[in-house]
């Protein structure tokens, strides 16, 4: 559970420091994609898979989920 909290904290920082809500959400999404890429990269290193493919796959999944949220009005 601590790992989940540590991965979420960087995504919450733009919401705390940026006053414009729309801009803060977009920056938070970018930070989340970077964190997801890092998690995928680390997962690929742990599993012995291609590091870049794993990082990009996890970031692409996050991008896909973010686009769904945006299209649904979020």
PDB file of N, CA and C in Angstrom:
ATOM      1  N   UNK A   1       0.824  -1.184   0.000  1.00  0.00           N
ATOM      2  CA  UNK A   1       0.000   0.000   0.000  1.00  0.00           C
ATOM      3  C   UNK A   1       0.874   1.257   0.000  1.00  0.00           C
ATOM      4  N   UNK A   2       1.990   1.217   0.667  1.00  0.00           N
ATOM      5  CA  UNK A   2       2.890   2.355   0.704  1.00  0.00           C
ATOM      6  C   UNK A   2       3.415   2.683  -0.695  1.00  0.00           C
ATOM      7  N   UNK A   3       3.659   1.651  -1.491  1.00  0.00           N
ATOM      8  CA  UNK A   3       4.141   1.873  -2.852  1.00  0.00           C
ATOM      9  C   UNK A   3       3.089   2.621  -3.668  1.00  0.00           C
ATOM     10  N   UNK A   4       1.834   2.260  -3.511  1.00  0.00           N
ATOM     11  CA  UNK A   4       0.761   2.942  -4.240  1.00  0.00           C
ATOM     12  C   UNK A   4       0.699   4.414  -3.856  1.00  0.00           C
ATOM     13  N   UNK A   5       0.837   4.713  -2.594  1.00  0.00           N
ATOM     14  CA  UNK A   5       0.808   6.101  -2.138  1.00  0.00           C
ATOM     15  C   UNK A   5       2.003   6.865  -2.703  1.00  0.00           C
ATOM     16  N   UNK A   6       3.173   6.247  -2.696  1.00  0.00           N
ATOM     17  CA  UNK A   6       4.369   6.906  -3.216  1.00  0.00           C
ATOM     18  C   UNK A   6       4.275   7.180  -4.708  1.00  0.00           C
ATOM     19  N   UNK A   7       3.595   6.312  -5.456  1.00  0.00           N
ATOM     20  CA  UNK A   7       3.426   6.530  -6.887  1.00  0.00           C
ATOM     21  C   UNK A   7       2.374   7.597  -7.190  1.00  0.00           C
ATOM     22  N   UNK A   8       1.457   7.843  -6.280  1.00  0.00           N
ATOM     23  CA  UNK A   8       0.397   8.824  -6.517  1.00  0.00           C
ATOM     24  C   UNK A   8       0.832  10.233  -6.128  1.00  0.00           C
ATOM     25  N   UNK A   9       1.711  10.367  -5.160  1.00  0.00           N
ATOM     26  CA  UNK A   9       2.110  11.689  -4.663  1.00  0.00           C
ATOM     27  C   UNK A   9       2.629  12.610  -5.774  1.00  0.00           C
ATOM     28  N   UNK A  10       3.507  12.160  -6.688  1.00  0.00           N
ATOM     29  CA  UNK A  10       3.956  13.087  -7.747  1.00  0.00           C
ATOM     30  C   UNK A  10       2.816  13.588  -8.634  1.00  0.00           C
ATOM     31  N   UNK A  11       1.798  12.767  -8.824  1.00  0.00           N
ATOM     32  CA  UNK A  11       0.666  13.185  -9.655  1.00  0.00           C
ATOM     33  C   UNK A  11      -0.212  14.214  -8.949  1.00  0.00           C
ATOM     34  N   UNK A  12      -0.191  14.234  -7.641  1.00  0.00           N
ATOM     35  CA  UNK A  12      -0.998  15.192  -6.894  1.00  0.00           C
ATOM     36  C   UNK A  12      -0.316  16.545  -6.722  1.00  0.00           C
ATOM     37  N   UNK A  13       0.988  16.587  -6.840  1.00  0.00           N
ATOM     38  CA  UNK A  13       1.724  17.833  -6.626  1.00  0.00           C
ATOM     39  C   UNK A  13       1.277  18.977  -7.556  1.00  0.00           C
ATOM     40  N   UNK A  14       1.069  18.747  -8.863  1.00  0.00           N
ATOM     41  CA  UNK A  14       0.600  19.869  -9.705  1.00  0.00           C
ATOM     42  C   UNK A  14      -0.751  20.421  -9.253  1.00  0.00           C
ATOM     43  N   UNK A  15      -1.620  19.574  -8.727  1.00  0.00           N
ATOM     44  CA  UNK A  15      -2.926  20.031  -8.267  1.00  0.00           C
ATOM     45  C   UNK A  15      -2.789  20.925  -7.048  1.00  0.00           C
ATOM     46  N   UNK A  16      -1.746  20.715  -6.282  1.00  0.00           N
ATOM     47  CA  UNK A  16      -1.512  21.512  -5.088  1.00  0.00           C
ATOM     48  C   UNK A  16      -0.839  22.851  -5.406  1.00  0.00           C
ATOM     49  N   UNK A  17       0.072  22.844  -6.376  1.00  0.00           N
ATOM     50  CA  UNK A  17       0.885  24.021  -6.624  1.00  0.00           C
ATOM     51  C   UNK A  17       0.399  24.919  -7.765  1.00  0.00           C
ATOM     52  N   UNK A  18      -0.413  24.411  -8.682  1.00  0.00           N
ATOM     53  CA  UNK A  18      -0.858  25.209  -9.834  1.00  0.00           C
ATOM     54  C   UNK A  18      -2.296  25.654  -9.584  1.00  0.00           C
ATOM     55  N   UNK A  19      -2.531  26.959  -9.694  1.00  0.00           N
ATOM     56  CA  UNK A  19      -3.849  27.517  -9.388  1.00  0.00           C
ATOM     57  C   UNK A  19      -4.885  27.255 -10.479  1.00  0.00           C
ATOM     58  N   UNK A  20      -4.488  27.251 -11.741  1.00  0.00           N
ATOM     59  CA  UNK A  20      -5.414  27.014 -12.844  1.00  0.00           C
ATOM     60  C   UNK A  20      -5.726  25.518 -12.899  1.00  0.00           C
ATOM     61  N   UNK A  21      -6.987  25.171 -12.643  1.00  0.00           N
ATOM     62  CA  UNK A  21      -7.368  23.764 -12.513  1.00  0.00           C
ATOM     63  C   UNK A  21      -7.138  22.971 -13.795  1.00  0.00           C
ATOM     64  N   UNK A  22      -7.533  23.508 -14.944  1.00  0.00           N
ATOM     65  CA  UNK A  22      -7.366  22.780 -16.207  1.00  0.00           C
ATOM     66  C   UNK A  22      -5.889  22.506 -16.503  1.00  0.00           C
ATOM     67  N   UNK A  23      -5.053  23.506 -16.295  1.00  0.00           N
ATOM     68  CA  UNK A  23      -3.610  23.343 -16.515  1.00  0.00           C
ATOM     69  C   UNK A  23      -3.040  22.330 -15.517  1.00  0.00           C
ATOM     70  N   UNK A  24      -3.483  22.394 -14.270  1.00  0.00           N
ATOM     71  CA  UNK A  24      -2.985  21.473 -13.242  1.00  0.00           C
ATOM     72  C   UNK A  24      -3.332  20.026 -13.583  1.00  0.00           C
ATOM     73  N   UNK A  25      -4.527  19.800 -14.102  1.00  0.00           N
ATOM     74  CA  UNK A  25      -4.932  18.441 -14.481  1.00  0.00           C
ATOM     75  C   UNK A  25      -4.052  17.921 -15.615  1.00  0.00           C
ATOM     76  N   UNK A  26      -3.787  18.755 -16.605  1.00  0.00           N
ATOM     77  CA  UNK A  26      -2.952  18.309 -17.741  1.00  0.00           C
ATOM     78  C   UNK A  26      -1.525  18.006 -17.289  1.00  0.00           C
ATOM     79  N   UNK A  27      -0.967  18.861 -16.431  1.00  0.00           N
ATOM     80  CA  UNK A  27       0.382  18.607 -15.912  1.00  0.00           C
ATOM     81  C   UNK A  27       0.383  17.337 -15.067  1.00  0.00           C
ATOM     82  N   UNK A  28      -0.662  17.148 -14.277  1.00  0.00           N
ATOM     83  CA  UNK A  28      -0.779  15.935 -13.464  1.00  0.00           C
ATOM     84  C   UNK A  28      -0.835  14.686 -14.346  1.00  0.00           C
ATOM     85  N   UNK A  29      -1.545  14.778 -15.464  1.00  0.00           N
ATOM     86  CA  UNK A  29      -1.605  13.645 -16.395  1.00  0.00           C
ATOM     87  C   UNK A  29      -0.226  13.335 -16.976  1.00  0.00           C
ATOM     88  N   UNK A  30       0.519  14.369 -17.341  1.00  0.00           N
ATOM     89  CA  UNK A  30       1.861  14.154 -17.889  1.00  0.00           C
ATOM     90  C   UNK A  30       2.761  13.505 -16.850  1.00  0.00           C
ATOM     91  N   UNK A  31       2.691  13.993 -15.621  1.00  0.00           N
ATOM     92  CA  UNK A  31       3.487  13.392 -14.543  1.00  0.00           C
ATOM     93  C   UNK A  31       3.086  11.931 -14.344  1.00  0.00           C
ATOM     94  N   UNK A  32       1.803  11.654 -14.425  1.00  0.00           N
ATOM     95  CA  UNK A  32       1.332  10.274 -14.278  1.00  0.00           C
ATOM     96  C   UNK A  32       1.873   9.379 -15.387  1.00  0.00           C
ATOM     97  N   UNK A  33       1.923   9.885 -16.615  1.00  0.00           N
ATOM     98  CA  UNK A  33       2.471   9.091 -17.716  1.00  0.00           C
ATOM     99  C   UNK A  33       3.946   8.798 -17.499  1.00  0.00           C
ATOM    100  N   UNK A  34       4.672   9.783 -16.987  1.00  0.00           N
ATOM    101  CA  UNK A  34       6.099   9.578 -16.705  1.00  0.00           C
ATOM    102  C   UNK A  34       6.279   8.536 -15.605  1.00  0.00           C
ATOM    103  N   UNK A  35       5.450   8.616 -14.573  1.00  0.00           N
ATOM    104  CA  UNK A  35       5.527   7.629 -13.490  1.00  0.00           C
ATOM    105  C   UNK A  35       5.171   6.237 -14.009  1.00  0.00           C
ATOM    106  N   UNK A  36       4.154   6.151 -14.857  1.00  0.00           N
ATOM    107  CA  UNK A  36       3.784   4.856 -15.431  1.00  0.00           C
ATOM    108  C   UNK A  36       4.901   4.305 -16.313  1.00  0.00           C
ATOM    109  N   UNK A  37       5.542   5.183 -17.087  1.00  0.00           N
ATOM    110  CA  UNK A  37       6.674   4.730 -17.892  1.00  0.00           C
ATOM    111  C   UNK A  37       7.777   4.186 -16.988  1.00  0.00           C
ATOM    112  N   UNK A  38       8.079   4.894 -15.919  1.00  0.00           N
ATOM    113  CA  UNK A  38       9.103   4.432 -14.983  1.00  0.00           C
ATOM    114  C   UNK A  38       8.742   3.108 -14.339  1.00  0.00           C
ATOM    115  N   UNK A  39       7.474   2.936 -14.001  1.00  0.00           N
ATOM    116  CA  UNK A  39       7.032   1.668 -13.420  1.00  0.00           C
ATOM    117  C   UNK A  39       7.159   0.537 -14.434  1.00  0.00           C
ATOM    118  N   UNK A  40       6.773   0.806 -15.678  1.00  0.00           N
ATOM    119  CA  UNK A  40       6.905  -0.212 -16.723  1.00  0.00           C
ATOM    120  C   UNK A  40       8.354  -0.543 -17.020  1.00  0.00           C
ATOM    121  N   UNK A  41       9.199   0.471 -17.008  1.00  0.00           N
ATOM    122  CA  UNK A  41      10.631   0.272 -17.231  1.00  0.00           C
ATOM    123  C   UNK A  41      11.218  -0.611 -16.128  1.00  0.00           C
ATOM    124  N   UNK A  42      10.855  -0.307 -14.892  1.00  0.00           N
ATOM    125  CA  UNK A  42      11.316  -1.121 -13.764  1.00  0.00           C
ATOM    126  C   UNK A  42      10.760  -2.526 -13.803  1.00  0.00           C
ATOM    127  N   UNK A  43       9.516  -2.655 -14.206  1.00  0.00           N
ATOM    128  CA  UNK A  43       8.891  -3.968 -14.319  1.00  0.00           C
ATOM    129  C   UNK A  43       9.595  -4.790 -15.403  1.00  0.00           C
ATOM    130  N   UNK A  44       9.923  -4.136 -16.508  1.00  0.00           N
ATOM    131  CA  UNK A  44      10.651  -4.823 -17.578  1.00  0.00           C
ATOM    132  C   UNK A  44      12.033  -5.268 -17.122  1.00  0.00           C
ATOM    133  N   UNK A  45      12.691  -4.440 -16.337  1.00  0.00           N
ATOM    134  CA  UNK A  45      14.009  -4.801 -15.808  1.00  0.00           C
ATOM    135  C   UNK A  45      13.889  -6.005 -14.871  1.00  0.00           C
ATOM    136  N   UNK A  46      12.858  -6.010 -14.063  1.00  0.00           N
ATOM    137  CA  UNK A  46      12.637  -7.100 -13.116  1.00  0.00           C
ATOM    138  C   UNK A  46      12.294  -8.410 -13.827  1.00  0.00           C
ATOM    139  N   UNK A  47      11.538  -8.322 -14.907  1.00  0.00           N
ATOM    140  CA  UNK A  47      11.084  -9.518 -15.621  1.00  0.00           C
ATOM    141  C   UNK A  47      12.037  -9.953 -16.724  1.00  0.00           C
ATOM    142  N   UNK A  48      13.060  -9.156 -17.004  1.00  0.00           N
ATOM    143  CA  UNK A  48      13.998  -9.502 -18.062  1.00  0.00           C
ATOM    144  C   UNK A  48      13.452  -9.242 -19.451  1.00  0.00           C
ATOM    145  N   UNK A  49      12.461  -8.368 -19.545  1.00  0.00           N
ATOM    146  CA  UNK A  49      11.845  -8.041 -20.837  1.00  0.00           C
ATOM    147  C   UNK A  49      12.504  -6.785 -21.400  1.00  0.00           C
ATOM    148  N   UNK A  50      12.075  -6.392 -22.586  1.00  0.00           N
ATOM    149  CA  UNK A  50      12.566  -5.166 -23.201  1.00  0.00           C
ATOM    150  C   UNK A  50      12.086  -3.977 -22.361  1.00  0.00           C
ATOM    151  N   UNK A  51      13.033  -3.201 -21.841  1.00  0.00           N
ATOM    152  CA  UNK A  51      12.710  -2.122 -20.910  1.00  0.00           C
ATOM    153  C   UNK A  51      11.851  -1.044 -21.544  1.00  0.00           C
ATOM    154  N   UNK A  52      12.234  -0.615 -22.740  1.00  0.00           N
ATOM    155  CA  UNK A  52      11.511   0.457 -23.412  1.00  0.00           C
ATOM    156  C   UNK A  52      10.108   0.025 -23.816  1.00  0.00           C
ATOM    157  N   UNK A  53       9.977  -1.210 -24.282  1.00  0.00           N
ATOM    158  CA  UNK A  53       8.644  -1.694 -24.677  1.00  0.00           C
ATOM    159  C   UNK A  53       7.707  -1.756 -23.480  1.00  0.00           C
ATOM    160  N   UNK A  54       8.212  -2.234 -22.355  1.00  0.00           N
ATOM    161  CA  UNK A  54       7.368  -2.323 -21.162  1.00  0.00           C
ATOM    162  C   UNK A  54       6.984  -0.927 -20.664  1.00  0.00           C
ATOM    163  N   UNK A  55       7.964  -0.017 -20.648  1.00  0.00           N
ATOM    164  CA  UNK A  55       7.666   1.344 -20.209  1.00  0.00           C
ATOM    165  C   UNK A  55       6.658   2.030 -21.107  1.00  0.00           C
ATOM    166  N   UNK A  56       6.856   1.903 -22.410  1.00  0.00           N
ATOM    167  CA  UNK A  56       5.931   2.531 -23.356  1.00  0.00           C
ATOM    168  C   UNK A  56       4.559   1.871 -23.330  1.00  0.00           C
ATOM    169  N   UNK A  57       4.518   0.558 -23.114  1.00  0.00           N
ATOM    170  CA  UNK A  57       3.231  -0.136 -23.051  1.00  0.00           C
ATOM    171  C   UNK A  57       2.415   0.340 -21.851  1.00  0.00           C
ATOM    172  N   UNK A  58       3.059   0.465 -20.709  1.00  0.00           N
ATOM    173  CA  UNK A  58       2.336   0.921 -19.526  1.00  0.00           C
ATOM    174  C   UNK A  58       1.926   2.384 -19.661  1.00  0.00           C
ATOM    175  N   UNK A  59       2.795   3.220 -20.219  1.00  0.00           N
ATOM    176  CA  UNK A  59       2.444   4.621 -20.440  1.00  0.00           C
ATOM    177  C   UNK A  59       1.321   4.740 -21.468  1.00  0.00           C
ATOM    178  N   UNK A  60       1.340   3.913 -22.502  1.00  0.00           N
ATOM    179  CA  UNK A  60       0.276   3.934 -23.510  1.00  0.00           C
ATOM    180  C   UNK A  60      -1.055   3.512 -22.899  1.00  0.00           C
ATOM    181  N   UNK A  61      -1.021   2.542 -22.008  1.00  0.00           N
ATOM    182  CA  UNK A  61      -2.246   2.139 -21.317  1.00  0.00           C
ATOM    183  C   UNK A  61      -2.794   3.303 -20.490  1.00  0.00           C
ATOM    184  N   UNK A  62      -1.909   4.008 -19.790  1.00  0.00           N
ATOM    185  CA  UNK A  62      -2.334   5.171 -19.019  1.00  0.00           C
ATOM    186  C   UNK A  62      -2.890   6.269 -19.908  1.00  0.00           C
ATOM    187  N   UNK A  63      -2.261   6.484 -21.056  1.00  0.00           N
ATOM    188  CA  UNK A  63      -2.748   7.473 -22.015  1.00  0.00           C
ATOM    189  C   UNK A  63      -4.136   7.092 -22.517  1.00  0.00           C
ATOM    190  N   UNK A  64      -4.317   5.828 -22.833  1.00  0.00           N
ATOM    191  CA  UNK A  64      -5.621   5.334 -23.288  1.00  0.00           C
ATOM    192  C   UNK A  64      -6.695   5.570 -22.225  1.00  0.00           C
ATOM    193  N   UNK A  65      -6.384   5.256 -20.973  1.00  0.00           N
ATOM    194  CA  UNK A  65      -7.354   5.454 -19.897  1.00  0.00           C
ATOM    195  C   UNK A  65      -7.635   6.944 -19.674  1.00  0.00           C
ATOM    196  N   UNK A  66      -6.601   7.769 -19.798  1.00  0.00           N
ATOM    197  CA  UNK A  66      -6.805   9.218 -19.669  1.00  0.00           C
ATOM    198  C   UNK A  66      -7.674   9.766 -20.777  1.00  0.00           C
ATOM    199  N   UNK A  67      -7.461   9.292 -21.997  1.00  0.00           N
ATOM    200  CA  UNK A  67      -8.298   9.744 -23.122  1.00  0.00           C
ATOM    201  C   UNK A  67      -9.753   9.333 -22.934  1.00  0.00           C
ATOM    202  N   UNK A  68      -9.973   8.152 -22.412  1.00  0.00           N
ATOM    203  CA  UNK A  68     -11.347   7.724 -22.141  1.00  0.00           C
ATOM    204  C   UNK A  68     -11.988   8.658 -21.108  1.00  0.00           C
ATOM    205  N   UNK A  69     -11.250   8.997 -20.076  1.00  0.00           N
ATOM    206  CA  UNK A  69     -11.776   9.898 -19.047  1.00  0.00           C
ATOM    207  C   UNK A  69     -12.084  11.272 -19.634  1.00  0.00           C
ATOM    208  N   UNK A  70     -11.191  11.789 -20.481  1.00  0.00           N
ATOM    209  CA  UNK A  70     -11.411  13.101 -21.089  1.00  0.00           C
ATOM    210  C   UNK A  70     -12.632  13.071 -22.011  1.00  0.00           C
ATOM    211  N   UNK A  71     -12.751  12.018 -22.800  1.00  0.00           N
ATOM    212  CA  UNK A  71     -13.899  11.916 -23.714  1.00  0.00           C
ATOM    213  C   UNK A  71     -15.222  11.768 -22.971  1.00  0.00           C
ATOM    214  N   UNK A  72     -15.173  11.219 -21.776  1.00  0.00           N
ATOM    215  CA  UNK A  72     -16.394  11.072 -20.985  1.00  0.00           C
ATOM    216  C   UNK A  72     -16.709  12.301 -20.157  1.00  0.00           C
ATOM    217  N   UNK A  73     -15.886  13.360 -20.332  1.00  0.00           N
ATOM    218  CA  UNK A  73     -16.174  14.612 -19.653  1.00  0.00           C
ATOM    219  C   UNK A  73     -15.304  14.893 -18.441  1.00  0.00           C
ATOM    220  N   UNK A  74     -14.284  14.062 -18.219  1.00  0.00           N
ATOM    221  CA  UNK A  74     -13.443  14.236 -17.032  1.00  0.00           C
ATOM    222  C   UNK A  74     -12.244  15.079 -17.257  1.00  0.00           C
TER     223      UNK A  74
END
